[in-house]
């Protein structure tokens, strides 16, 4: 029996425009609703170097130059996007039943890229999503409570941080 209910995803992209930018790194963690990890997936998506040089500029990338440089360095070892989409589909097939809820921080932005670049993955996802940033907005603004998350800007580290953050918010429900 497939136990996973939440598909935690974090994408690293060349920028935030699904029309101009591309996915360059993906990580996924399958969990149940108690956030117990069932399986994990990571992949590097190869994109043209020219695109990375053109799009990975500006204040954000200068502030996060270590992450940018690591993402650029791993690009040569990446796989074509279509191949990574097949691997993500296999990960979903291996770990999930009929309902696959996408989860993460500001997951609506990642969903835009999934819809654009990986339509077969998008078809597998439930229309409802678990967005940790909605909890963040409420806790910070209504309750004055703030979770301090590591700011790594690498896919797997960011997912683990999002799971930790939601676990922290749920401690207030008990």
C-alpha atoms as a PDB file:
ATOM      1  CA  UNK A   1       0.000   0.000   0.000  1.00  0.00           C
ATOM      2  CA  UNK A   2       1.359   3.396  -0.986  1.00  0.00           C
ATOM      3  CA  UNK A   3       1.551   5.586   2.095  1.00  0.00           C
ATOM      4  CA  UNK A   4       2.699   8.935   0.748  1.00  0.00           C
ATOM      5  CA  UNK A   5       0.175  11.765   0.782  1.00  0.00           C
ATOM      6  CA  UNK A   6       2.292  14.909   0.426  1.00  0.00           C
ATOM      7  CA  UNK A   7       4.723  15.527  -2.415  1.00  0.00           C
ATOM      8  CA  UNK A   8       7.099  18.124  -1.017  1.00  0.00           C
ATOM      9  CA  UNK A   9       8.815  19.811  -3.941  1.00  0.00           C
ATOM     10  CA  UNK A  10      11.358  22.548  -4.277  1.00  0.00           C
ATOM     11  CA  UNK A  11      12.645  23.759  -7.599  1.00  0.00           C
ATOM     12  CA  UNK A  12      15.631  25.928  -8.217  1.00  0.00           C
ATOM     13  CA  UNK A  13      15.162  27.951 -11.376  1.00  0.00           C
ATOM     14  CA  UNK A  14      17.227  30.438 -13.351  1.00  0.00           C
ATOM     15  CA  UNK A  15      14.693  33.072 -12.235  1.00  0.00           C
ATOM     16  CA  UNK A  16      11.006  33.478 -11.387  1.00  0.00           C
ATOM     17  CA  UNK A  17       9.434  33.858 -14.850  1.00  0.00           C
ATOM     18  CA  UNK A  18       8.006  30.571 -16.174  1.00  0.00           C
ATOM     19  CA  UNK A  19       8.044  32.142 -19.639  1.00  0.00           C
ATOM     20  CA  UNK A  20      11.746  33.089 -19.617  1.00  0.00           C
ATOM     21  CA  UNK A  21      13.355  30.891 -16.962  1.00  0.00           C
ATOM     22  CA  UNK A  22      13.871  27.157 -16.601  1.00  0.00           C
ATOM     23  CA  UNK A  23      14.037  24.568 -13.831  1.00  0.00           C
ATOM     24  CA  UNK A  24      17.666  23.733 -13.045  1.00  0.00           C
ATOM     25  CA  UNK A  25      17.344  21.587  -9.914  1.00  0.00           C
ATOM     26  CA  UNK A  26      14.506  19.593  -8.377  1.00  0.00           C
ATOM     27  CA  UNK A  27      14.151  17.760  -5.106  1.00  0.00           C
ATOM     28  CA  UNK A  28      11.127  15.934  -3.761  1.00  0.00           C
ATOM     29  CA  UNK A  29      10.296  14.234  -0.499  1.00  0.00           C
ATOM     30  CA  UNK A  30       7.247  12.004  -0.161  1.00  0.00           C
ATOM     31  CA  UNK A  31       5.680  12.056   3.312  1.00  0.00           C
ATOM     32  CA  UNK A  32       2.516  11.011   5.068  1.00  0.00           C
ATOM     33  CA  UNK A  33       0.364  13.602   6.854  1.00  0.00           C
ATOM     34  CA  UNK A  34       2.521  13.260   9.988  1.00  0.00           C
ATOM     35  CA  UNK A  35       5.486  14.403   7.831  1.00  0.00           C
ATOM     36  CA  UNK A  36       7.290  11.072   8.085  1.00  0.00           C
ATOM     37  CA  UNK A  37       9.623  10.706   5.131  1.00  0.00           C
ATOM     38  CA  UNK A  38       8.828   7.793   2.845  1.00  0.00           C
ATOM     39  CA  UNK A  39      11.116   8.510  -0.102  1.00  0.00           C
ATOM     40  CA  UNK A  40      13.375  11.181  -1.549  1.00  0.00           C
ATOM     41  CA  UNK A  41      14.303  12.307  -5.070  1.00  0.00           C
ATOM     42  CA  UNK A  42      16.839  14.758  -6.512  1.00  0.00           C
ATOM     43  CA  UNK A  43      17.879  15.684 -10.036  1.00  0.00           C
ATOM     44  CA  UNK A  44      19.767  18.331 -11.954  1.00  0.00           C
ATOM     45  CA  UNK A  45      18.143  19.644 -15.122  1.00  0.00           C
ATOM     46  CA  UNK A  46      20.593  20.723 -17.796  1.00  0.00           C
ATOM     47  CA  UNK A  47      19.864  24.074 -19.424  1.00  0.00           C
ATOM     48  CA  UNK A  48      21.864  26.110 -21.942  1.00  0.00           C
ATOM     49  CA  UNK A  49      24.786  27.898 -20.271  1.00  0.00           C
ATOM     50  CA  UNK A  50      23.821  31.091 -22.091  1.00  0.00           C
ATOM     51  CA  UNK A  51      20.440  31.064 -20.338  1.00  0.00           C
ATOM     52  CA  UNK A  52      22.085  30.711 -16.934  1.00  0.00           C
ATOM     53  CA  UNK A  53      24.481  33.588 -17.651  1.00  0.00           C
ATOM     54  CA  UNK A  54      21.639  35.767 -18.942  1.00  0.00           C
ATOM     55  CA  UNK A  55      19.038  35.042 -16.251  1.00  0.00           C
ATOM     56  CA  UNK A  56      21.035  34.313 -13.071  1.00  0.00           C
ATOM     57  CA  UNK A  57      22.015  37.938 -12.464  1.00  0.00           C
ATOM     58  CA  UNK A  58      20.839  40.724 -10.212  1.00  0.00           C
ATOM     59  CA  UNK A  59      20.556  41.392  -6.509  1.00  0.00           C
ATOM     60  CA  UNK A  60      19.125  37.992  -5.512  1.00  0.00           C
ATOM     61  CA  UNK A  61      21.839  36.017  -7.281  1.00  0.00           C
ATOM     62  CA  UNK A  62      24.605  38.337  -6.053  1.00  0.00           C
ATOM     63  CA  UNK A  63      23.381  37.886  -2.478  1.00  0.00           C
ATOM     64  CA  UNK A  64      23.260  34.094  -3.027  1.00  0.00           C
ATOM     65  CA  UNK A  65      26.391  33.780  -5.156  1.00  0.00           C
ATOM     66  CA  UNK A  66      27.550  30.559  -3.459  1.00  0.00           C
ATOM     67  CA  UNK A  67      24.299  28.789  -4.377  1.00  0.00           C
ATOM     68  CA  UNK A  68      24.378  30.302  -7.886  1.00  0.00           C
ATOM     69  CA  UNK A  69      27.927  29.118  -8.483  1.00  0.00           C
ATOM     70  CA  UNK A  70      27.119  25.586  -7.272  1.00  0.00           C
ATOM     71  CA  UNK A  71      24.026  25.423  -9.499  1.00  0.00           C
ATOM     72  CA  UNK A  72      26.030  26.591 -12.520  1.00  0.00           C
ATOM     73  CA  UNK A  73      28.842  24.129 -11.759  1.00  0.00           C
ATOM     74  CA  UNK A  74      26.501  21.134 -11.617  1.00  0.00           C
ATOM     75  CA  UNK A  75      24.705  22.037 -14.866  1.00  0.00           C
ATOM     76  CA  UNK A  76      27.077  19.975 -17.041  1.00  0.00           C
ATOM     77  CA  UNK A  77      26.109  16.817 -15.135  1.00  0.00           C
ATOM     78  CA  UNK A  78      22.390  17.477 -15.565  1.00  0.00           C
ATOM     79  CA  UNK A  79      19.809  15.551 -17.581  1.00  0.00           C
ATOM     80  CA  UNK A  80      17.375  16.788 -20.186  1.00  0.00           C
ATOM     81  CA  UNK A  81      14.114  18.123 -18.740  1.00  0.00           C
ATOM     82  CA  UNK A  82      12.000  15.406 -20.410  1.00  0.00           C
ATOM     83  CA  UNK A  83      14.131  12.698 -18.776  1.00  0.00           C
ATOM     84  CA  UNK A  84      13.784  14.321 -15.341  1.00  0.00           C
ATOM     85  CA  UNK A  85      10.016  14.576 -15.861  1.00  0.00           C
ATOM     86  CA  UNK A  86       9.917  10.786 -16.465  1.00  0.00           C
ATOM     87  CA  UNK A  87      11.909  10.234 -13.262  1.00  0.00           C
ATOM     88  CA  UNK A  88       9.535  12.441 -11.249  1.00  0.00           C
ATOM     89  CA  UNK A  89       6.567  10.533 -12.691  1.00  0.00           C
ATOM     90  CA  UNK A  90       8.180   7.240 -11.626  1.00  0.00           C
ATOM     91  CA  UNK A  91       8.786   8.664  -8.133  1.00  0.00           C
ATOM     92  CA  UNK A  92       5.087   9.582  -7.901  1.00  0.00           C
ATOM     93  CA  UNK A  93       3.976   6.198  -9.252  1.00  0.00           C
ATOM     94  CA  UNK A  94       6.201   4.336  -6.782  1.00  0.00           C
ATOM     95  CA  UNK A  95       5.089   6.250  -3.685  1.00  0.00           C
ATOM     96  CA  UNK A  96       1.582   7.640  -4.137  1.00  0.00           C
ATOM     97  CA  UNK A  97      -1.944   6.438  -4.645  1.00  0.00           C
ATOM     98  CA  UNK A  98      -4.625   8.424  -6.461  1.00  0.00           C
ATOM     99  CA  UNK A  99      -4.217  11.727  -4.601  1.00  0.00           C
ATOM    100  CA  UNK A 100      -0.935  13.632  -4.785  1.00  0.00           C
ATOM    101  CA  UNK A 101      -0.932  16.886  -2.833  1.00  0.00           C
ATOM    102  CA  UNK A 102       1.903  19.243  -3.721  1.00  0.00           C
ATOM    103  CA  UNK A 103       3.501  20.809  -0.625  1.00  0.00           C
ATOM    104  CA  UNK A 104       6.177  23.398   0.041  1.00  0.00           C
ATOM    105  CA  UNK A 105       6.929  27.060   0.607  1.00  0.00           C
ATOM    106  CA  UNK A 106       5.335  29.365  -1.989  1.00  0.00           C
ATOM    107  CA  UNK A 107       4.518  26.164  -3.848  1.00  0.00           C
ATOM    108  CA  UNK A 108       2.238  28.023  -6.264  1.00  0.00           C
ATOM    109  CA  UNK A 109       5.375  29.438  -7.925  1.00  0.00           C
ATOM    110  CA  UNK A 110       6.922  25.988  -8.351  1.00  0.00           C
ATOM    111  CA  UNK A 111       3.569  24.764  -9.682  1.00  0.00           C
ATOM    112  CA  UNK A 112       3.724  27.364 -12.483  1.00  0.00           C
ATOM    113  CA  UNK A 113       7.024  25.881 -13.640  1.00  0.00           C
ATOM    114  CA  UNK A 114       5.737  22.312 -13.315  1.00  0.00           C
ATOM    115  CA  UNK A 115       2.668  23.215 -15.383  1.00  0.00           C
ATOM    116  CA  UNK A 116       4.868  24.812 -18.056  1.00  0.00           C
ATOM    117  CA  UNK A 117       7.765  22.351 -18.241  1.00  0.00           C
ATOM    118  CA  UNK A 118       6.365  19.049 -16.980  1.00  0.00           C
ATOM    119  CA  UNK A 119       2.686  18.795 -18.012  1.00  0.00           C
ATOM    120  CA  UNK A 120       2.579  15.023 -17.375  1.00  0.00           C
ATOM    121  CA  UNK A 121       3.629  15.616 -13.767  1.00  0.00           C
ATOM    122  CA  UNK A 122       1.074  18.435 -13.489  1.00  0.00           C
ATOM    123  CA  UNK A 123      -1.686  16.002 -14.542  1.00  0.00           C
ATOM    124  CA  UNK A 124      -0.877  13.772 -11.541  1.00  0.00           C
ATOM    125  CA  UNK A 125      -1.171  16.571  -8.985  1.00  0.00           C
ATOM    126  CA  UNK A 126      -4.325  17.350  -7.022  1.00  0.00           C
ATOM    127  CA  UNK A 127      -5.646  20.878  -7.493  1.00  0.00           C
ATOM    128  CA  UNK A 128      -5.270  21.497  -3.745  1.00  0.00           C
ATOM    129  CA  UNK A 129      -1.816  22.291  -2.393  1.00  0.00           C
ATOM    130  CA  UNK A 130      -0.285  22.627   1.058  1.00  0.00           C
ATOM    131  CA  UNK A 131       1.517  25.973   1.030  1.00  0.00           C
ATOM    132  CA  UNK A 132       3.667  26.575   4.099  1.00  0.00           C
ATOM    133  CA  UNK A 133       3.915  30.273   3.258  1.00  0.00           C
ATOM    134  CA  UNK A 134       0.194  30.679   4.057  1.00  0.00           C
ATOM    135  CA  UNK A 135       0.967  29.507   7.603  1.00  0.00           C
ATOM    136  CA  UNK A 136       3.926  31.911   7.697  1.00  0.00           C
ATOM    137  CA  UNK A 137       1.717  34.876   6.773  1.00  0.00           C
ATOM    138  CA  UNK A 138      -0.775  34.068   9.534  1.00  0.00           C
ATOM    139  CA  UNK A 139       1.717  33.265  12.293  1.00  0.00           C
ATOM    140  CA  UNK A 140       3.907  36.295  11.659  1.00  0.00           C
ATOM    141  CA  UNK A 141       1.129  38.826  11.168  1.00  0.00           C
ATOM    142  CA  UNK A 142      -1.655  37.597  13.454  1.00  0.00           C
ATOM    143  CA  UNK A 143       0.333  35.899  16.196  1.00  0.00           C
ATOM    144  CA  UNK A 144       3.705  37.646  16.049  1.00  0.00           C
ATOM    145  CA  UNK A 145       5.512  34.297  15.907  1.00  0.00           C
ATOM    146  CA  UNK A 146       8.307  33.762  13.423  1.00  0.00           C
ATOM    147  CA  UNK A 147      10.049  30.591  12.328  1.00  0.00           C
ATOM    148  CA  UNK A 148      13.690  31.180  11.400  1.00  0.00           C
ATOM    149  CA  UNK A 149      14.557  29.032   8.409  1.00  0.00           C
ATOM    150  CA  UNK A 150      17.951  28.375   6.869  1.00  0.00           C
ATOM    151  CA  UNK A 151      18.341  30.293   3.632  1.00  0.00           C
ATOM    152  CA  UNK A 152      20.212  27.782   1.468  1.00  0.00           C
ATOM    153  CA  UNK A 153      18.565  28.106  -1.966  1.00  0.00           C
ATOM    154  CA  UNK A 154      19.278  24.484  -2.791  1.00  0.00           C
ATOM    155  CA  UNK A 155      16.294  22.264  -3.472  1.00  0.00           C
ATOM    156  CA  UNK A 156      16.710  19.473  -0.913  1.00  0.00           C
ATOM    157  CA  UNK A 157      17.809  21.793   1.898  1.00  0.00           C
ATOM    158  CA  UNK A 158      14.840  24.073   1.202  1.00  0.00           C
ATOM    159  CA  UNK A 159      12.343  21.193   1.334  1.00  0.00           C
ATOM    160  CA  UNK A 160      13.711  19.950   4.640  1.00  0.00           C
ATOM    161  CA  UNK A 161      13.437  23.498   5.952  1.00  0.00           C
ATOM    162  CA  UNK A 162       9.815  23.736   4.795  1.00  0.00           C
ATOM    163  CA  UNK A 163       8.900  20.463   6.525  1.00  0.00           C
ATOM    164  CA  UNK A 164      10.597  21.650   9.738  1.00  0.00           C
ATOM    165  CA  UNK A 165       8.726  24.937   9.486  1.00  0.00           C
ATOM    166  CA  UNK A 166       5.299  23.318   9.105  1.00  0.00           C
ATOM    167  CA  UNK A 167       6.060  20.920  11.958  1.00  0.00           C
ATOM    168  CA  UNK A 168       6.847  23.963  14.111  1.00  0.00           C
ATOM    169  CA  UNK A 169       3.552  25.670  13.197  1.00  0.00           C
ATOM    170  CA  UNK A 170       1.569  22.518  13.999  1.00  0.00           C
ATOM    171  CA  UNK A 171       3.007  22.419  17.540  1.00  0.00           C
ATOM    172  CA  UNK A 172       0.672  25.335  18.305  1.00  0.00           C
ATOM    173  CA  UNK A 173      -2.353  23.165  17.436  1.00  0.00           C
ATOM    174  CA  UNK A 174      -1.767  20.620  20.172  1.00  0.00           C
END
